Amino acid sequence: MTNQARDGVVATVFVVTWEAAELVTSCLDSLARQTLPHRVLVVDNASTDGTPEVLPARFPDAQVIRTSENLGFAGGVEAGLALVDTPFVALLNNDAVAEPDWLAGLVAALDAHPEAAAVTSRLLLAGVTPPTLNNAGVLLLDDGYGADRGLGEPAEAYAVPDEVFGFSGGAALLRTEAVRSVGGFPAPYFLYYEDTDLSWRLRRAGWSIRYEPAAVVLHEHSATADQGSAMFAYWNERNRLLMHVRCAPAGAAVAVWWRFLLTTGSLAVRRMTRRSGPVAHQQRVGLRLRVLAGAARLLPWALRTRRRGG
């Protein structure tokens, strides 16, 4: 038991931010209203928009780590993980606002389920009428893609606590030592699939993942990253390939890579025969070749870290 736990503080809340001074202040204001005592650790990924000046002025009690470069969400969380000495670490997106009893609800859920390493929140889409779900846990689909459980469904859906495949990095609580035991967050991912990867590794190590509907967060979906952009398509596809190398059975991982290669070849043929019109970024041959090159560069790391924690 740590000194902070003895003092009644059992959770450190991580907020990773980059060039989002207005968003992160709303996020941190919501943390100041939490009913459960906690520590706040902000990782500022080398912001240049005034964030370094705003944080100490508005939130003097928050610990701020300022990185020398943008490490992305995964790298930012991993950079701060070594500083955590509380039993639990919570994650909250900088574009999210938590209800006052959010953290208390998550801690109560993990206390009630000692077999669980993480509990994920009920994320609602901010500014949407009628109230609509953003995420009630993470799914792993048959085609190897991760997905938001409940996305677009009415807010009152998924009203019962449940076991899920994975947690959403947008708003969740994890057991600190469980995360460390499986190798921490995959910092090379930068953005996307780091939560699904870690969930899978925790499950391989024998833990479960829970969903707690009473822990509510409003999320400005895509406020800090455009999910229709080439950047999103690149990180999303590259990290999915790497996740399967690190987490999936060997045959399944090979199948995912082989399917990506075959699809890329098919798209290239269509382009050469001029049988394709405008396509999404994920279907563009040039981007897919960049994905393959990026994944290949990190393949030795993915193979080396494959067996740790499960």
C-alpha atoms as a PDB file:
ATOM      1  CA  MET A   1       0.000   0.000   0.000  1.00  0.00           C
ATOM      2  CA  THR A   2       1.444   3.385  -0.983  1.00  0.00           C
ATOM      3  CA  ASN A   3       1.516   6.554   1.157  1.00  0.00           C
ATOM      4  CA  GLN A   4      -1.071   8.081  -1.130  1.00  0.00           C
ATOM      5  CA  ALA A   5      -3.371   5.094  -0.656  1.00  0.00           C
ATOM      6  CA  ARG A   6      -2.981   5.382   3.139  1.00  0.00           C
ATOM      7  CA  ASP A   7      -3.919   9.064   2.847  1.00  0.00           C
ATOM      8  CA  GLY A   8      -7.110   8.068   1.076  1.00  0.00           C
ATOM      9  CA  VAL A   9      -5.972   8.763  -2.504  1.00  0.00           C
ATOM     10  CA  VAL A  10      -6.100   5.540  -4.487  1.00  0.00           C
ATOM     11  CA  ALA A  11      -6.217   6.849  -8.061  1.00  0.00           C
ATOM     12  CA  THR A  12      -4.107   9.005 -10.354  1.00  0.00           C
ATOM     13  CA  VAL A  13      -5.993  10.457 -13.324  1.00  0.00           C
ATOM     14  CA  PHE A  14      -3.995  10.840 -16.543  1.00  0.00           C
ATOM     15  CA  VAL A  15      -4.908  13.511 -19.079  1.00  0.00           C
ATOM     16  CA  VAL A  16      -2.767  13.596 -22.222  1.00  0.00           C
ATOM     17  CA  THR A  17      -3.058  16.794 -24.224  1.00  0.00           C
ATOM     18  CA  TRP A  18      -1.663  18.472 -27.312  1.00  0.00           C
ATOM     19  CA  GLU A  19      -2.617  21.876 -28.730  1.00  0.00           C
ATOM     20  CA  ALA A  20      -5.978  21.860 -26.934  1.00  0.00           C
ATOM     21  CA  ALA A  21      -5.864  24.511 -24.217  1.00  0.00           C
ATOM     22  CA  GLU A  22      -9.605  25.223 -24.261  1.00  0.00           C
ATOM     23  CA  LEU A  23     -10.614  21.573 -24.257  1.00  0.00           C
ATOM     24  CA  VAL A  24      -8.220  20.469 -21.539  1.00  0.00           C
ATOM     25  CA  THR A  25      -9.370  23.190 -19.141  1.00  0.00           C
ATOM     26  CA  SER A  26     -12.961  21.923 -19.351  1.00  0.00           C
ATOM     27  CA  CYS A  27     -11.690  18.392 -18.766  1.00  0.00           C
ATOM     28  CA  LEU A  28      -9.667  19.396 -15.721  1.00  0.00           C
ATOM     29  CA  ASP A  29     -12.537  21.476 -14.348  1.00  0.00           C
ATOM     30  CA  SER A  30     -14.640  18.307 -14.361  1.00  0.00           C
ATOM     31  CA  LEU A  31     -11.915  16.469 -12.450  1.00  0.00           C
ATOM     32  CA  ALA A  32     -11.904  19.234  -9.835  1.00  0.00           C
ATOM     33  CA  ARG A  33     -15.580  18.448  -9.213  1.00  0.00           C
ATOM     34  CA  GLN A  34     -15.023  14.721  -8.567  1.00  0.00           C
ATOM     35  CA  THR A  35     -16.425  13.356  -5.315  1.00  0.00           C
ATOM     36  CA  LEU A  36     -13.446  11.015  -4.811  1.00  0.00           C
ATOM     37  CA  PRO A  37     -10.018  12.425  -3.845  1.00  0.00           C
ATOM     38  CA  HIS A  38      -7.437  11.757  -6.534  1.00  0.00           C
ATOM     39  CA  ARG A  39      -4.196  12.935  -8.074  1.00  0.00           C
ATOM     40  CA  VAL A  40      -4.118  14.595 -11.505  1.00  0.00           C
ATOM     41  CA  LEU A  41      -1.206  14.072 -13.882  1.00  0.00           C
ATOM     42  CA  VAL A  42      -1.266  15.994 -17.163  1.00  0.00           C
ATOM     43  CA  VAL A  43       1.105  15.024 -19.956  1.00  0.00           C
ATOM     44  CA  ASP A  44       1.494  18.021 -22.250  1.00  0.00           C
ATOM     45  CA  ASN A  45       2.861  16.771 -25.556  1.00  0.00           C
ATOM     46  CA  ALA A  46       4.947  19.869 -26.369  1.00  0.00           C
ATOM     47  CA  SER A  47       1.930  22.130 -26.959  1.00  0.00           C
ATOM     48  CA  THR A  48       2.546  25.602 -28.367  1.00  0.00           C
ATOM     49  CA  ASP A  49      -0.993  27.008 -28.058  1.00  0.00           C
ATOM     50  CA  GLY A  50      -0.714  28.461 -24.550  1.00  0.00           C
ATOM     51  CA  THR A  51      -1.322  25.186 -22.709  1.00  0.00           C
ATOM     52  CA  PRO A  52       2.014  25.394 -20.787  1.00  0.00           C
ATOM     53  CA  GLU A  53       0.954  28.785 -19.376  1.00  0.00           C
ATOM     54  CA  VAL A  54      -2.685  27.907 -18.712  1.00  0.00           C
ATOM     55  CA  LEU A  55      -2.131  24.686 -16.774  1.00  0.00           C
ATOM     56  CA  PRO A  56      -0.097  25.996 -13.799  1.00  0.00           C
ATOM     57  CA  ALA A  57      -2.200  29.145 -13.592  1.00  0.00           C
ATOM     58  CA  ARG A  58      -5.580  27.397 -13.608  1.00  0.00           C
ATOM     59  CA  PHE A  59      -4.670  24.055 -12.024  1.00  0.00           C
ATOM     60  CA  PRO A  60      -1.771  24.523  -9.579  1.00  0.00           C
ATOM     61  CA  ASP A  61      -2.441  21.184  -7.866  1.00  0.00           C
ATOM     62  CA  ALA A  62      -2.070  19.158 -11.047  1.00  0.00           C
ATOM     63  CA  GLN A  63       1.288  17.596 -11.789  1.00  0.00           C
ATOM     64  CA  VAL A  64       2.338  18.491 -15.335  1.00  0.00           C
ATOM     65  CA  ILE A  65       4.859  16.621 -17.446  1.00  0.00           C
ATOM     66  CA  ARG A  66       5.908  18.593 -20.516  1.00  0.00           C
ATOM     67  CA  THR A  67       7.507  16.439 -23.184  1.00  0.00           C
ATOM     68  CA  SER A  68      10.060  17.706 -25.702  1.00  0.00           C
ATOM     69  CA  GLU A  69       8.038  16.315 -28.608  1.00  0.00           C
ATOM     70  CA  ASN A  70       4.563  14.990 -29.328  1.00  0.00           C
ATOM     71  CA  LEU A  71       4.526  11.387 -28.090  1.00  0.00           C
ATOM     72  CA  GLY A  72       0.881  10.793 -28.941  1.00  0.00           C
ATOM     73  CA  PHE A  73      -1.623   9.341 -26.493  1.00  0.00           C
ATOM     74  CA  ALA A  74       0.126   5.995 -26.033  1.00  0.00           C
ATOM     75  CA  GLY A  75       3.556   7.530 -25.561  1.00  0.00           C
ATOM     76  CA  GLY A  76       2.205  10.200 -23.248  1.00  0.00           C
ATOM     77  CA  VAL A  77       0.533   7.699 -20.932  1.00  0.00           C
ATOM     78  CA  GLU A  78       3.607   5.468 -20.896  1.00  0.00           C
ATOM     79  CA  ALA A  79       5.834   8.479 -20.088  1.00  0.00           C
ATOM     80  CA  GLY A  80       3.788   9.227 -16.994  1.00  0.00           C
ATOM     81  CA  LEU A  81       3.232   5.653 -15.845  1.00  0.00           C
ATOM     82  CA  ALA A  82       6.574   5.470 -14.043  1.00  0.00           C
ATOM     83  CA  LEU A  83       5.468   8.345 -11.778  1.00  0.00           C
ATOM     84  CA  VAL A  84       2.277   6.657 -10.579  1.00  0.00           C
ATOM     85  CA  ASP A  85       2.356   5.296  -7.039  1.00  0.00           C
ATOM     86  CA  THR A  86      -1.377   4.799  -6.530  1.00  0.00           C
ATOM     87  CA  PRO A  87      -3.098   1.410  -6.875  1.00  0.00           C
ATOM     88  CA  PHE A  88      -5.276   2.684  -9.727  1.00  0.00           C
ATOM     89  CA  VAL A  89      -4.623   4.845 -12.761  1.00  0.00           C
ATOM     90  CA  ALA A  90      -7.515   6.467 -14.603  1.00  0.00           C
ATOM     91  CA  LEU A  91      -7.515   7.743 -18.183  1.00  0.00           C
ATOM     92  CA  LEU A  92      -9.617  10.686 -19.358  1.00  0.00           C
ATOM     93  CA  ASN A  93      -9.424  12.233 -22.807  1.00  0.00           C
ATOM     94  CA  ASN A  94      -8.655  15.937 -22.943  1.00  0.00           C
ATOM     95  CA  ASP A  95     -11.867  16.407 -24.954  1.00  0.00           C
ATOM     96  CA  ALA A  96     -14.036  14.690 -22.337  1.00  0.00           C
ATOM     97  CA  VAL A  97     -15.964  15.977 -19.314  1.00  0.00           C
ATOM     98  CA  ALA A  98     -16.646  13.569 -16.446  1.00  0.00           C
ATOM     99  CA  GLU A  99     -19.724  13.572 -14.233  1.00  0.00           C
ATOM    100  CA  PRO A 100     -18.846  14.295 -10.553  1.00  0.00           C
ATOM    101  CA  ASP A 101     -19.205  10.680  -9.390  1.00  0.00           C
ATOM    102  CA  TRP A 102     -17.383   9.226 -12.442  1.00  0.00           C
ATOM    103  CA  LEU A 103     -14.182   8.249 -10.662  1.00  0.00           C
ATOM    104  CA  ALA A 104     -15.950   7.004  -7.525  1.00  0.00           C
ATOM    105  CA  GLY A 105     -18.103   4.736  -9.684  1.00  0.00           C
ATOM    106  CA  LEU A 106     -15.101   3.241 -11.448  1.00  0.00           C
ATOM    107  CA  VAL A 107     -13.178   2.607  -8.216  1.00  0.00           C
ATOM    108  CA  ALA A 108     -16.241   0.954  -6.656  1.00  0.00           C
ATOM    109  CA  ALA A 109     -16.593  -1.289  -9.720  1.00  0.00           C
ATOM    110  CA  LEU A 110     -12.967  -2.492  -9.534  1.00  0.00           C
ATOM    111  CA  ASP A 111     -13.217  -2.974  -5.774  1.00  0.00           C
ATOM    112  CA  ALA A 112     -16.236  -5.213  -6.392  1.00  0.00           C
ATOM    113  CA  HIS A 113     -14.407  -7.236  -9.058  1.00  0.00           C
ATOM    114  CA  PRO A 114     -10.902  -8.211  -7.913  1.00  0.00           C
ATOM    115  CA  GLU A 115     -10.555 -10.403 -11.021  1.00  0.00           C
ATOM    116  CA  ALA A 116     -10.806  -7.332 -13.273  1.00  0.00           C
ATOM    117  CA  ALA A 117      -7.794  -5.255 -14.318  1.00  0.00           C
ATOM    118  CA  ALA A 118      -9.805  -2.408 -15.853  1.00  0.00           C
ATOM    119  CA  VAL A 119     -13.264  -0.902 -15.927  1.00  0.00           C
ATOM    120  CA  THR A 120     -14.517   1.287 -18.757  1.00  0.00           C
ATOM    121  CA  SER A 121     -17.064   4.104 -18.634  1.00  0.00           C
ATOM    122  CA  ARG A 122     -20.308   5.007 -20.356  1.00  0.00           C
ATOM    123  CA  LEU A 123     -19.179   7.615 -22.908  1.00  0.00           C
ATOM    124  CA  LEU A 124     -21.914   9.808 -24.365  1.00  0.00           C
ATOM    125  CA  LEU A 125     -21.518  12.017 -27.425  1.00  0.00           C
ATOM    126  CA  ALA A 126     -21.406  15.642 -26.276  1.00  0.00           C
ATOM    127  CA  GLY A 127     -23.884  18.044 -27.844  1.00  0.00           C
ATOM    128  CA  VAL A 128     -26.000  15.341 -29.466  1.00  0.00           C
ATOM    129  CA  THR A 129     -29.800  15.306 -29.095  1.00  0.00           C
ATOM    130  CA  PRO A 130     -31.287  12.941 -28.117  1.00  0.00           C
ATOM    131  CA  PRO A 131     -28.438  11.718 -25.864  1.00  0.00           C
ATOM    132  CA  THR A 132     -26.439   9.094 -27.733  1.00  0.00           C
ATOM    133  CA  LEU A 133     -23.784   6.558 -26.841  1.00  0.00           C
ATOM    134  CA  ASN A 134     -20.205   6.961 -27.973  1.00  0.00           C
ATOM    135  CA  ASN A 135     -18.744   3.911 -26.239  1.00  0.00           C
ATOM    136  CA  ALA A 136     -19.798   1.234 -23.752  1.00  0.00           C
ATOM    137  CA  GLY A 137     -16.623  -0.803 -24.052  1.00  0.00           C
ATOM    138  CA  VAL A 138     -14.495  -2.015 -26.954  1.00  0.00           C
ATOM    139  CA  LEU A 139     -15.369  -4.917 -29.255  1.00  0.00           C
ATOM    140  CA  LEU A 140     -12.977  -7.055 -31.284  1.00  0.00           C
ATOM    141  CA  LEU A 141     -14.739  -7.924 -34.542  1.00  0.00           C
ATOM    142  CA  ASP A 142     -14.316 -11.102 -36.575  1.00  0.00           C
ATOM    143  CA  ASP A 143     -12.387  -9.192 -39.262  1.00  0.00           C
ATOM    144  CA  GLY A 144      -9.762  -8.132 -36.717  1.00  0.00           C
ATOM    145  CA  TYR A 145     -10.913  -4.550 -36.286  1.00  0.00           C
ATOM    146  CA  GLY A 146     -11.758  -2.969 -32.958  1.00  0.00           C
ATOM    147  CA  ALA A 147     -15.057  -1.111 -32.573  1.00  0.00           C
ATOM    148  CA  ASP A 148     -16.957   1.076 -30.121  1.00  0.00           C
ATOM    149  CA  ARG A 149     -19.616  -1.015 -28.418  1.00  0.00           C
ATOM    150  CA  GLY A 150     -22.933   0.823 -28.610  1.00  0.00           C
ATOM    151  CA  LEU A 151     -21.800   3.671 -30.881  1.00  0.00           C
ATOM    152  CA  GLY A 152     -24.832   5.631 -32.081  1.00  0.00           C
ATOM    153  CA  GLU A 153     -27.324   3.790 -29.892  1.00  0.00           C
ATOM    154  CA  PRO A 154     -29.627   5.560 -27.391  1.00  0.00           C
ATOM    155  CA  ALA A 155     -27.927   6.719 -24.202  1.00  0.00           C
ATOM    156  CA  GLU A 156     -30.052   4.411 -22.058  1.00  0.00           C
ATOM    157  CA  ALA A 157     -28.787   1.284 -23.837  1.00  0.00           C
ATOM    158  CA  TYR A 158     -26.230  -0.936 -22.089  1.00  0.00           C
ATOM    159  CA  ALA A 159     -27.599   0.071 -18.692  1.00  0.00           C
ATOM    160  CA  VAL A 160     -26.279  -3.017 -16.864  1.00  0.00           C
ATOM    161  CA  PRO A 161     -22.670  -3.543 -15.671  1.00  0.00           C
ATOM    162  CA  ASP A 162     -21.032  -6.247 -17.729  1.00  0.00           C
ATOM    163  CA  GLU A 163     -17.800  -7.889 -18.819  1.00  0.00           C
ATOM    164  CA  VAL A 164     -16.473  -6.553 -22.144  1.00  0.00           C
ATOM    165  CA  PHE A 165     -13.536  -7.348 -24.391  1.00  0.00           C
ATOM    166  CA  GLY A 166     -11.769  -4.056 -23.849  1.00  0.00           C
ATOM    167  CA  PHE A 167     -11.782  -0.637 -22.252  1.00  0.00           C
ATOM    168  CA  SER A 168     -11.827   2.703 -24.017  1.00  0.00           C
ATOM    169  CA  GLY A 169      -8.748   4.837 -23.399  1.00  0.00           C
ATOM    170  CA  GLY A 170     -11.084   7.833 -23.457  1.00  0.00           C
ATOM    171  CA  ALA A 171     -12.385   7.137 -19.943  1.00  0.00           C
ATOM    172  CA  ALA A 172     -11.364   4.117 -17.888  1.00  0.00           C
ATOM    173  CA  LEU A 173      -9.728   2.964 -14.654  1.00  0.00           C
ATOM    174  CA  LEU A 174      -6.934   0.371 -14.504  1.00  0.00           C
ATOM    175  CA  ARG A 175      -4.965  -1.460 -11.843  1.00  0.00           C
ATOM    176  CA  THR A 176      -1.503   0.085 -12.009  1.00  0.00           C
ATOM    177  CA  GLU A 177       0.477  -3.074 -11.312  1.00  0.00           C
ATOM    178  CA  ALA A 178      -1.588  -5.144 -13.744  1.00  0.00           C
ATOM    179  CA  VAL A 179      -0.727  -2.673 -16.518  1.00  0.00           C
ATOM    180  CA  ARG A 180       2.959  -2.777 -15.637  1.00  0.00           C
ATOM    181  CA  SER A 181       2.972  -6.563 -15.457  1.00  0.00           C
ATOM    182  CA  VAL A 182       1.999  -6.880 -19.139  1.00  0.00           C
ATOM    183  CA  GLY A 183       4.476  -4.301 -20.395  1.00  0.00           C
ATOM    184  CA  GLY A 184       2.574  -1.048 -19.996  1.00  0.00           C
ATOM    185  CA  PHE A 185       1.184   0.995 -22.867  1.00  0.00           C
ATOM    186  CA  PRO A 186       2.596   0.356 -26.358  1.00  0.00           C
ATOM    187  CA  ALA A 187       4.268   3.752 -26.801  1.00  0.00           C
ATOM    188  CA  PRO A 188       5.268   3.135 -30.473  1.00  0.00           C
ATOM    189  CA  TYR A 189       1.561   3.090 -31.409  1.00  0.00           C
ATOM    190  CA  PHE A 190       1.381   6.871 -30.905  1.00  0.00           C
ATOM    191  CA  LEU A 191      -2.403   6.976 -31.490  1.00  0.00           C
ATOM    192  CA  TYR A 192      -5.177   4.358 -31.662  1.00  0.00           C
ATOM    193  CA  TYR A 193      -5.486   0.690 -30.724  1.00  0.00           C
ATOM    194  CA  GLU A 194      -3.298   1.131 -27.633  1.00  0.00           C
ATOM    195  CA  ASP A 195      -6.361   0.475 -25.451  1.00  0.00           C
ATOM    196  CA  THR A 196      -7.474  -2.593 -27.436  1.00  0.00           C
ATOM    197  CA  ASP A 197      -3.916  -3.955 -27.418  1.00  0.00           C
ATOM    198  CA  LEU A 198      -3.550  -3.515 -23.662  1.00  0.00           C
ATOM    199  CA  SER A 199      -7.015  -4.986 -23.027  1.00  0.00           C
ATOM    200  CA  TRP A 200      -6.089  -8.069 -25.059  1.00  0.00           C
ATOM    201  CA  ARG A 201      -2.793  -8.494 -23.226  1.00  0.00           C
ATOM    202  CA  LEU A 202      -4.489  -8.148 -19.845  1.00  0.00           C
ATOM    203  CA  ARG A 203      -7.029 -10.785 -20.837  1.00  0.00           C
ATOM    204  CA  ARG A 204      -4.239 -13.112 -22.011  1.00  0.00           C
ATOM    205  CA  ALA A 205      -2.674 -12.689 -18.567  1.00  0.00           C
ATOM    206  CA  GLY A 206      -5.883 -13.911 -16.905  1.00  0.00           C
ATOM    207  CA  TRP A 207      -7.611 -10.623 -16.069  1.00  0.00           C
ATOM    208  CA  SER A 208     -11.095  -9.528 -17.119  1.00  0.00           C
ATOM    209  CA  ILE A 209     -12.345  -6.096 -18.252  1.00  0.00           C
ATOM    210  CA  ARG A 210     -15.545  -4.559 -16.898  1.00  0.00           C
ATOM    211  CA  TYR A 211     -18.033  -1.918 -18.044  1.00  0.00           C
ATOM    212  CA  GLU A 212     -19.696   0.412 -15.503  1.00  0.00           C
ATOM    213  CA  PRO A 213     -22.715   2.342 -16.861  1.00  0.00           C
ATOM    214  CA  ALA A 214     -22.937   4.567 -13.767  1.00  0.00           C
ATOM    215  CA  ALA A 215     -19.575   6.161 -14.613  1.00  0.00           C
ATOM    216  CA  VAL A 216     -20.646   8.747 -17.189  1.00  0.00           C
ATOM    217  CA  VAL A 217     -18.493  10.965 -19.411  1.00  0.00           C
ATOM    218  CA  LEU A 218     -19.456  13.415 -22.171  1.00  0.00           C
ATOM    219  CA  HIS A 219     -17.023  13.146 -25.079  1.00  0.00           C
ATOM    220  CA  GLU A 220     -16.400  15.600 -27.939  1.00  0.00           C
ATOM    221  CA  HIS A 221     -15.860  12.742 -30.384  1.00  0.00           C
ATOM    222  CA  SER A 222     -13.026  13.504 -32.857  1.00  0.00           C
ATOM    223  CA  ALA A 223     -12.482  16.974 -31.376  1.00  0.00           C
ATOM    224  CA  THR A 224      -8.716  16.416 -31.256  1.00  0.00           C
ATOM    225  CA  ALA A 225      -8.332  14.025 -34.210  1.00  0.00           C
ATOM    226  CA  ASP A 226     -10.286  13.918 -37.456  1.00  0.00           C
ATOM    227  CA  GLN A 227     -11.376  10.316 -37.998  1.00  0.00           C
ATOM    228  CA  GLY A 228     -11.893  10.994 -41.690  1.00  0.00           C
ATOM    229  CA  SER A 229      -8.284  12.062 -42.173  1.00  0.00           C
ATOM    230  CA  ALA A 230      -5.350  10.281 -43.753  1.00  0.00           C
ATOM    231  CA  MET A 231      -3.535  10.526 -40.407  1.00  0.00           C
ATOM    232  CA  PHE A 232      -6.304   8.581 -38.669  1.00  0.00           C
ATOM    233  CA  ALA A 233      -6.340   5.953 -41.427  1.00  0.00           C
ATOM    234  CA  TYR A 234      -2.559   5.484 -41.211  1.00  0.00           C
ATOM    235  CA  TRP A 235      -2.288   5.060 -37.424  1.00  0.00           C
ATOM    236  CA  ASN A 236      -5.460   2.993 -37.255  1.00  0.00           C
ATOM    237  CA  GLU A 237      -4.400   0.485 -39.930  1.00  0.00           C
ATOM    238  CA  ARG A 238      -0.743   0.297 -38.932  1.00  0.00           C
ATOM    239  CA  ASN A 239      -1.482  -0.264 -35.258  1.00  0.00           C
ATOM    240  CA  ARG A 240      -4.122  -2.884 -35.998  1.00  0.00           C
ATOM    241  CA  LEU A 241      -1.519  -4.926 -37.859  1.00  0.00           C
ATOM    242  CA  LEU A 242       0.961  -4.545 -34.998  1.00  0.00           C
ATOM    243  CA  MET A 243      -1.646  -5.413 -32.375  1.00  0.00           C
ATOM    244  CA  HIS A 244      -2.320  -8.766 -34.014  1.00  0.00           C
ATOM    245  CA  VAL A 245       1.389  -9.563 -34.051  1.00  0.00           C
ATOM    246  CA  ARG A 246       1.642  -8.772 -30.349  1.00  0.00           C
ATOM    247  CA  CYS A 247      -1.608 -10.329 -29.162  1.00  0.00           C
ATOM    248  CA  ALA A 248      -3.280 -12.748 -31.576  1.00  0.00           C
ATOM    249  CA  PRO A 249      -2.517 -16.430 -32.166  1.00  0.00           C
ATOM    250  CA  ALA A 250       0.190 -16.710 -34.835  1.00  0.00           C
ATOM    251  CA  GLY A 251      -2.132 -18.066 -37.513  1.00  0.00           C
ATOM    252  CA  ALA A 252      -4.671 -15.299 -36.961  1.00  0.00           C
ATOM    253  CA  ALA A 253      -1.962 -12.629 -37.089  1.00  0.00           C
ATOM    254  CA  VAL A 254      -0.618 -13.988 -40.379  1.00  0.00           C
ATOM    255  CA  ALA A 255      -4.160 -14.043 -41.794  1.00  0.00           C
ATOM    256  CA  VAL A 256      -4.726 -10.375 -40.904  1.00  0.00           C
ATOM    257  CA  TRP A 257      -1.484  -9.318 -42.589  1.00  0.00           C
ATOM    258  CA  TRP A 258      -2.145 -11.524 -45.625  1.00  0.00           C
ATOM    259  CA  ARG A 259      -5.643 -10.095 -46.039  1.00  0.00           C
ATOM    260  CA  PHE A 260      -4.235  -6.553 -45.887  1.00  0.00           C
ATOM    261  CA  LEU A 261      -1.648  -7.426 -48.562  1.00  0.00           C
ATOM    262  CA  LEU A 262      -4.223  -9.050 -50.852  1.00  0.00           C
ATOM    263  CA  THR A 263      -6.612  -6.124 -50.512  1.00  0.00           C
ATOM    264  CA  THR A 264      -3.811  -3.681 -51.274  1.00  0.00           C
ATOM    265  CA  GLY A 265      -2.891  -5.662 -54.400  1.00  0.00           C
ATOM    266  CA  SER A 266      -6.511  -5.766 -55.534  1.00  0.00           C
ATOM    267  CA  LEU A 267      -6.868  -2.019 -55.079  1.00  0.00           C
ATOM    268  CA  ALA A 268      -3.662  -1.445 -57.045  1.00  0.00           C
ATOM    269  CA  VAL A 269      -5.010  -3.490 -59.964  1.00  0.00           C
ATOM    270  CA  ARG A 270      -8.270  -1.533 -59.934  1.00  0.00           C
ATOM    271  CA  ARG A 271      -6.345   1.709 -59.992  1.00  0.00           C
ATOM    272  CA  MET A 272      -4.203   0.604 -62.932  1.00  0.00           C
ATOM    273  CA  THR A 273      -7.292  -0.423 -64.897  1.00  0.00           C
ATOM    274  CA  ARG A 274      -9.072   2.795 -63.884  1.00  0.00           C
ATOM    275  CA  ARG A 275     -12.034   0.921 -62.484  1.00  0.00           C
ATOM    276  CA  SER A 276     -12.157   2.821 -59.216  1.00  0.00           C
ATOM    277  CA  GLY A 277     -13.557   6.258 -58.418  1.00  0.00           C
ATOM    278  CA  PRO A 278     -12.938   8.394 -55.321  1.00  0.00           C
ATOM    279  CA  VAL A 279     -12.039   6.197 -52.353  1.00  0.00           C
ATOM    280  CA  ALA A 280     -11.655   6.548 -48.613  1.00  0.00           C
ATOM    281  CA  HIS A 281      -8.149   7.005 -47.235  1.00  0.00           C
ATOM    282  CA  GLN A 282      -8.104   3.373 -46.012  1.00  0.00           C
ATOM    283  CA  GLN A 283      -8.554   2.229 -49.612  1.00  0.00           C
ATOM    284  CA  ARG A 284      -5.793   4.343 -51.147  1.00  0.00           C
ATOM    285  CA  VAL A 285      -2.880   2.258 -52.337  1.00  0.00           C
ATOM    286  CA  GLY A 286      -0.230   4.833 -51.440  1.00  0.00           C
ATOM    287  CA  LEU A 287      -1.437   5.078 -47.867  1.00  0.00           C
ATOM    288  CA  ARG A 288      -1.671   1.311 -47.522  1.00  0.00           C
ATOM    289  CA  LEU A 289       1.922   0.956 -48.728  1.00  0.00           C
ATOM    290  CA  ARG A 290       2.984   3.501 -46.100  1.00  0.00           C
ATOM    291  CA  VAL A 291       1.080   1.454 -43.512  1.00  0.00           C
ATOM    292  CA  LEU A 292       2.950  -1.698 -44.536  1.00  0.00           C
ATOM    293  CA  ALA A 293       6.301   0.098 -44.424  1.00  0.00           C
ATOM    294  CA  GLY A 294       5.560   1.559 -40.994  1.00  0.00           C
ATOM    295  CA  ALA A 295       4.370  -1.768 -39.616  1.00  0.00           C
ATOM    296  CA  ALA A 296       7.405  -3.560 -41.062  1.00  0.00           C
ATOM    297  CA  ARG A 297       9.749  -1.117 -39.319  1.00  0.00           C
ATOM    298  CA  LEU A 298       8.136  -1.930 -35.973  1.00  0.00           C
ATOM    299  CA  LEU A 299       7.728  -5.649 -36.629  1.00  0.00           C
ATOM    300  CA  PRO A 300      10.918  -6.635 -34.707  1.00  0.00           C
ATOM    301  CA  TRP A 301       9.642  -4.702 -31.674  1.00  0.00           C
ATOM    302  CA  ALA A 302       6.181  -6.279 -31.963  1.00  0.00           C
ATOM    303  CA  LEU A 303       7.645  -9.783 -32.162  1.00  0.00           C
ATOM    304  CA  ARG A 304      10.024  -9.115 -29.291  1.00  0.00           C
ATOM    305  CA  THR A 305       7.216  -7.898 -27.020  1.00  0.00           C
ATOM    306  CA  ARG A 306       4.697 -10.514 -28.181  1.00  0.00           C
ATOM    307  CA  ARG A 307       4.994 -12.916 -25.260  1.00  0.00           C
ATOM    308  CA  ARG A 308       5.333 -10.518 -22.381  1.00  0.00           C
ATOM    309  CA  GLY A 309       2.402 -10.709 -19.992  1.00  0.00           C
ATOM    310  CA  GLY A 310       0.555 -13.687 -21.385  1.00  0.00           C
END
